[in-house]
Amino acid sequence: MFPTHNIWTFLKLDTRNGRIWQVQFSVEKIDESFELPLSSTYLVTTSEEKNGRFTLYPTSNIYNFILLDQISGNMWQVQWSTKIENRGIIPIR
């Protein structure tokens, strides 16, 4: 789990394959707690998976992180949002 600058929102990262979920919680309204996929795409094959392979780095924009494959050096821009059209990941080339 990686904290965001929003106290109610975390990013859950599968460090083996790069899949990411947005996790939001509420202490007052249980129906405002949820887990949404930011990227359900496996970024490496099953045979290439390794614990700790992927990590997230925050940026100065509270909605954006950099996802780094610590083995290959590949990077992606990760953007979280409560609006589906504003969340996802894109490769940094």
N, C-alpha and C. Protein backbone atom coordinates (compact mmCIF):
# COMPACT_ATOMS: atom_id res chain seq x y z
N MET A 1 0.84 -1.17 0.00
CA MET A 1 0.00 0.00 0.00
C MET A 1 0.89 1.24 0.00
N PHE A 2 0.56 2.16 -0.88
CA PHE A 2 1.29 3.41 -0.99
C PHE A 2 0.33 4.56 -0.70
N PRO A 3 0.66 5.44 0.25
CA PRO A 3 -0.22 6.56 0.55
C PRO A 3 -0.17 7.61 -0.56
N THR A 4 -1.28 8.31 -0.74
CA THR A 4 -1.32 9.48 -1.61
C THR A 4 -1.37 10.70 -0.69
N HIS A 5 -1.39 11.89 -1.25
CA HIS A 5 -1.53 13.09 -0.43
C HIS A 5 -2.97 13.30 0.02
N ASN A 6 -3.89 12.49 -0.48
CA ASN A 6 -5.28 12.49 -0.03
C ASN A 6 -5.36 11.50 1.12
N ILE A 7 -5.79 11.94 2.30
CA ILE A 7 -5.75 11.06 3.48
C ILE A 7 -6.69 9.86 3.37
N TRP A 8 -7.62 9.88 2.43
CA TRP A 8 -8.59 8.79 2.29
C TRP A 8 -8.22 7.80 1.19
N THR A 9 -7.14 8.06 0.46
CA THR A 9 -6.83 7.26 -0.73
C THR A 9 -5.43 6.66 -0.66
N PHE A 10 -5.34 5.37 -0.97
CA PHE A 10 -4.07 4.65 -1.08
C PHE A 10 -4.02 3.97 -2.44
N LEU A 11 -2.82 3.63 -2.88
CA LEU A 11 -2.65 2.80 -4.07
C LEU A 11 -2.10 1.45 -3.62
N LYS A 12 -2.78 0.40 -4.05
CA LYS A 12 -2.35 -0.97 -3.73
C LYS A 12 -1.63 -1.51 -4.95
N LEU A 13 -0.37 -1.87 -4.77
CA LEU A 13 0.47 -2.33 -5.87
C LEU A 13 0.84 -3.79 -5.67
N ASP A 14 0.66 -4.59 -6.71
CA ASP A 14 1.22 -5.94 -6.71
C ASP A 14 2.65 -5.78 -7.21
N THR A 15 3.60 -5.85 -6.30
CA THR A 15 5.00 -5.58 -6.64
C THR A 15 5.62 -6.65 -7.52
N ARG A 16 4.93 -7.77 -7.72
CA ARG A 16 5.44 -8.85 -8.58
C ARG A 16 5.19 -8.57 -10.05
N ASN A 17 4.03 -7.94 -10.38
CA ASN A 17 3.65 -7.83 -11.79
C ASN A 17 3.13 -6.46 -12.22
N GLY A 18 3.06 -5.49 -11.31
CA GLY A 18 2.71 -4.13 -11.68
C GLY A 18 1.24 -3.77 -11.70
N ARG A 19 0.35 -4.70 -11.32
CA ARG A 19 -1.07 -4.36 -11.27
C ARG A 19 -1.32 -3.40 -10.11
N ILE A 20 -2.27 -2.45 -10.31
CA ILE A 20 -2.51 -1.40 -9.31
C ILE A 20 -4.01 -1.20 -9.09
N TRP A 21 -4.39 -0.96 -7.82
CA TRP A 21 -5.75 -0.63 -7.45
C TRP A 21 -5.77 0.64 -6.63
N GLN A 22 -6.82 1.41 -6.77
CA GLN A 22 -7.05 2.58 -5.94
C GLN A 22 -7.94 2.15 -4.78
N VAL A 23 -7.51 2.40 -3.56
CA VAL A 23 -8.27 2.03 -2.37
C VAL A 23 -8.66 3.32 -1.65
N GLN A 24 -9.96 3.49 -1.44
CA GLN A 24 -10.45 4.66 -0.73
C GLN A 24 -11.29 4.19 0.44
N PHE A 25 -11.13 4.87 1.58
CA PHE A 25 -11.91 4.49 2.75
C PHE A 25 -12.58 5.71 3.35
N SER A 26 -13.57 5.45 4.19
CA SER A 26 -14.30 6.50 4.89
C SER A 26 -14.58 6.00 6.29
N VAL A 27 -14.47 6.89 7.26
CA VAL A 27 -14.77 6.49 8.64
C VAL A 27 -16.24 6.76 9.00
N GLU A 28 -16.93 7.52 8.16
CA GLU A 28 -18.32 7.85 8.45
C GLU A 28 -19.33 7.15 7.55
N LYS A 29 -18.99 7.00 6.27
CA LYS A 29 -19.93 6.42 5.31
C LYS A 29 -19.30 5.19 4.66
N ILE A 30 -19.72 4.02 5.10
CA ILE A 30 -19.14 2.76 4.61
C ILE A 30 -19.31 2.61 3.11
N ASP A 31 -20.38 3.16 2.53
CA ASP A 31 -20.61 3.04 1.10
C ASP A 31 -19.66 3.92 0.28
N GLU A 32 -18.86 4.74 0.94
CA GLU A 32 -17.86 5.54 0.25
C GLU A 32 -16.48 4.88 0.29
N SER A 33 -16.40 3.67 0.83
CA SER A 33 -15.16 2.89 0.82
C SER A 33 -15.20 1.96 -0.38
N PHE A 34 -14.08 1.91 -1.13
CA PHE A 34 -14.06 1.07 -2.32
C PHE A 34 -12.64 0.75 -2.75
N GLU A 35 -12.54 -0.23 -3.63
CA GLU A 35 -11.28 -0.61 -4.27
C GLU A 35 -11.56 -0.71 -5.77
N LEU A 36 -10.81 0.08 -6.57
CA LEU A 36 -11.01 0.12 -8.01
C LEU A 36 -9.71 -0.18 -8.73
N PRO A 37 -9.75 -0.94 -9.83
CA PRO A 37 -8.50 -1.18 -10.57
C PRO A 37 -8.06 0.06 -11.33
N LEU A 38 -6.78 0.39 -11.19
CA LEU A 38 -6.17 1.41 -12.05
C LEU A 38 -5.57 0.74 -13.26
N SER A 39 -5.00 -0.44 -13.04
CA SER A 39 -4.46 -1.24 -14.13
C SER A 39 -4.49 -2.71 -13.72
N SER A 40 -5.28 -3.49 -14.43
CA SER A 40 -5.33 -4.93 -14.15
C SER A 40 -4.45 -5.71 -15.13
N THR A 41 -3.69 -4.98 -15.94
CA THR A 41 -2.79 -5.59 -16.92
C THR A 41 -1.49 -6.03 -16.25
N TYR A 42 -1.11 -7.27 -16.48
CA TYR A 42 0.18 -7.77 -15.99
C TYR A 42 1.27 -7.15 -16.87
N LEU A 43 2.23 -6.47 -16.26
CA LEU A 43 3.28 -5.79 -17.01
C LEU A 43 4.47 -6.68 -17.33
N VAL A 44 4.49 -7.88 -16.77
CA VAL A 44 5.51 -8.88 -17.08
C VAL A 44 4.83 -10.25 -17.16
N THR A 45 5.49 -11.20 -17.78
CA THR A 45 4.95 -12.55 -17.83
C THR A 45 5.07 -13.22 -16.46
N THR A 46 4.32 -14.28 -16.25
CA THR A 46 4.35 -14.99 -14.97
C THR A 46 5.76 -15.45 -14.62
N SER A 47 6.52 -15.89 -15.61
CA SER A 47 7.87 -16.37 -15.34
C SER A 47 8.83 -15.23 -14.96
N GLU A 48 8.47 -13.98 -15.28
CA GLU A 48 9.31 -12.83 -14.95
C GLU A 48 8.92 -12.17 -13.62
N GLU A 49 7.82 -12.61 -13.01
CA GLU A 49 7.38 -12.01 -11.75
C GLU A 49 8.40 -12.24 -10.65
N LYS A 50 8.57 -11.21 -9.81
CA LYS A 50 9.49 -11.31 -8.68
C LYS A 50 9.02 -10.32 -7.62
N ASN A 51 8.97 -10.77 -6.36
CA ASN A 51 8.58 -9.87 -5.27
C ASN A 51 9.45 -8.63 -5.27
N GLY A 52 8.83 -7.45 -5.17
CA GLY A 52 9.56 -6.20 -5.11
C GLY A 52 10.03 -5.67 -6.45
N ARG A 53 9.63 -6.30 -7.53
CA ARG A 53 10.09 -5.85 -8.85
C ARG A 53 9.58 -4.45 -9.17
N PHE A 54 8.33 -4.13 -8.81
CA PHE A 54 7.73 -2.85 -9.12
C PHE A 54 7.59 -2.01 -7.85
N THR A 55 7.74 -0.70 -8.01
CA THR A 55 7.51 0.23 -6.90
C THR A 55 6.93 1.53 -7.45
N LEU A 56 6.34 2.30 -6.56
CA LEU A 56 5.72 3.58 -6.93
C LEU A 56 6.48 4.74 -6.30
N TYR A 57 6.61 5.82 -7.05
CA TYR A 57 7.22 7.05 -6.55
C TYR A 57 6.21 8.18 -6.71
N PRO A 58 5.94 8.94 -5.64
CA PRO A 58 5.02 10.06 -5.76
C PRO A 58 5.64 11.19 -6.57
N THR A 59 4.79 12.02 -7.15
CA THR A 59 5.24 13.23 -7.84
C THR A 59 4.67 14.42 -7.09
N SER A 60 4.98 15.62 -7.54
CA SER A 60 4.43 16.81 -6.88
C SER A 60 2.94 17.00 -7.20
N ASN A 61 2.43 16.31 -8.22
CA ASN A 61 1.00 16.30 -8.52
C ASN A 61 0.36 15.20 -7.68
N ILE A 62 -0.57 15.52 -6.82
CA ILE A 62 -1.10 14.53 -5.88
C ILE A 62 -1.80 13.35 -6.55
N TYR A 63 -2.20 13.50 -7.80
CA TYR A 63 -2.92 12.44 -8.51
C TYR A 63 -2.01 11.54 -9.35
N ASN A 64 -0.72 11.85 -9.40
CA ASN A 64 0.20 11.11 -10.26
C ASN A 64 1.36 10.50 -9.50
N PHE A 65 1.70 9.29 -9.90
CA PHE A 65 2.86 8.57 -9.40
C PHE A 65 3.64 8.06 -10.59
N ILE A 66 4.89 7.71 -10.37
CA ILE A 66 5.69 7.02 -11.37
C ILE A 66 5.83 5.57 -10.92
N LEU A 67 5.43 4.64 -11.79
CA LEU A 67 5.60 3.21 -11.54
C LEU A 67 6.90 2.79 -12.20
N LEU A 68 7.79 2.18 -11.44
CA LEU A 68 9.10 1.77 -11.94
C LEU A 68 9.26 0.27 -11.86
N ASP A 69 9.66 -0.34 -12.98
CA ASP A 69 10.11 -1.73 -13.00
C ASP A 69 11.59 -1.68 -12.64
N GLN A 70 11.93 -2.12 -11.44
CA GLN A 70 13.29 -1.99 -10.94
C GLN A 70 14.28 -2.95 -11.59
N ILE A 71 13.80 -3.85 -12.42
CA ILE A 71 14.68 -4.77 -13.14
C ILE A 71 14.95 -4.25 -14.55
N SER A 72 13.89 -3.91 -15.29
CA SER A 72 14.06 -3.47 -16.68
C SER A 72 14.29 -1.96 -16.80
N GLY A 73 13.87 -1.20 -15.80
CA GLY A 73 13.96 0.25 -15.87
C GLY A 73 12.77 0.90 -16.56
N ASN A 74 11.81 0.11 -17.04
CA ASN A 74 10.61 0.67 -17.67
C ASN A 74 9.81 1.46 -16.65
N MET A 75 9.15 2.53 -17.15
CA MET A 75 8.37 3.40 -16.27
C MET A 75 7.01 3.70 -16.88
N TRP A 76 6.04 3.99 -16.00
CA TRP A 76 4.69 4.36 -16.38
C TRP A 76 4.23 5.51 -15.51
N GLN A 77 3.41 6.39 -16.09
CA GLN A 77 2.73 7.41 -15.31
C GLN A 77 1.44 6.81 -14.81
N VAL A 78 1.22 6.86 -13.51
CA VAL A 78 0.02 6.32 -12.88
C VAL A 78 -0.81 7.50 -12.39
N GLN A 79 -2.07 7.54 -12.79
CA GLN A 79 -2.95 8.61 -12.34
C GLN A 79 -4.18 8.01 -11.69
N TRP A 80 -4.45 8.42 -10.46
CA TRP A 80 -5.65 7.97 -9.77
C TRP A 80 -6.68 9.09 -9.75
N SER A 81 -7.94 8.73 -9.66
CA SER A 81 -9.02 9.70 -9.62
C SER A 81 -10.29 8.98 -9.21
N THR A 82 -11.26 9.73 -8.71
CA THR A 82 -12.57 9.14 -8.44
C THR A 82 -13.38 9.04 -9.73
N LYS A 83 -12.94 9.72 -10.78
CA LYS A 83 -13.61 9.66 -12.08
C LYS A 83 -12.89 8.66 -12.98
N ILE A 84 -13.62 7.70 -13.53
CA ILE A 84 -13.02 6.63 -14.32
C ILE A 84 -12.23 7.15 -15.51
N GLU A 85 -12.71 8.23 -16.13
CA GLU A 85 -12.02 8.74 -17.32
C GLU A 85 -10.70 9.42 -16.99
N ASN A 86 -10.43 9.65 -15.70
CA ASN A 86 -9.19 10.31 -15.30
C ASN A 86 -8.20 9.40 -14.60
N ARG A 87 -8.44 8.09 -14.63
CA ARG A 87 -7.49 7.19 -13.97
C ARG A 87 -6.96 6.15 -14.94
N GLY A 88 -5.75 5.68 -14.64
CA GLY A 88 -5.11 4.67 -15.47
C GLY A 88 -3.61 4.85 -15.47
N ILE A 89 -2.93 4.11 -16.35
CA ILE A 89 -1.49 4.24 -16.47
C ILE A 89 -1.10 4.34 -17.94
N ILE A 90 -0.03 5.07 -18.20
CA ILE A 90 0.49 5.17 -19.57
C ILE A 90 2.01 5.01 -19.52
N PRO A 91 2.60 4.34 -20.51
CA PRO A 91 4.05 4.15 -20.51
C PRO A 91 4.78 5.47 -20.68
N ILE A 92 5.93 5.56 -20.05
CA ILE A 92 6.84 6.69 -20.26
C ILE A 92 7.95 6.16 -21.15
N ARG A 93 8.08 6.71 -22.32
CA ARG A 93 9.08 6.23 -23.29
C ARG A 93 10.20 7.21 -23.44
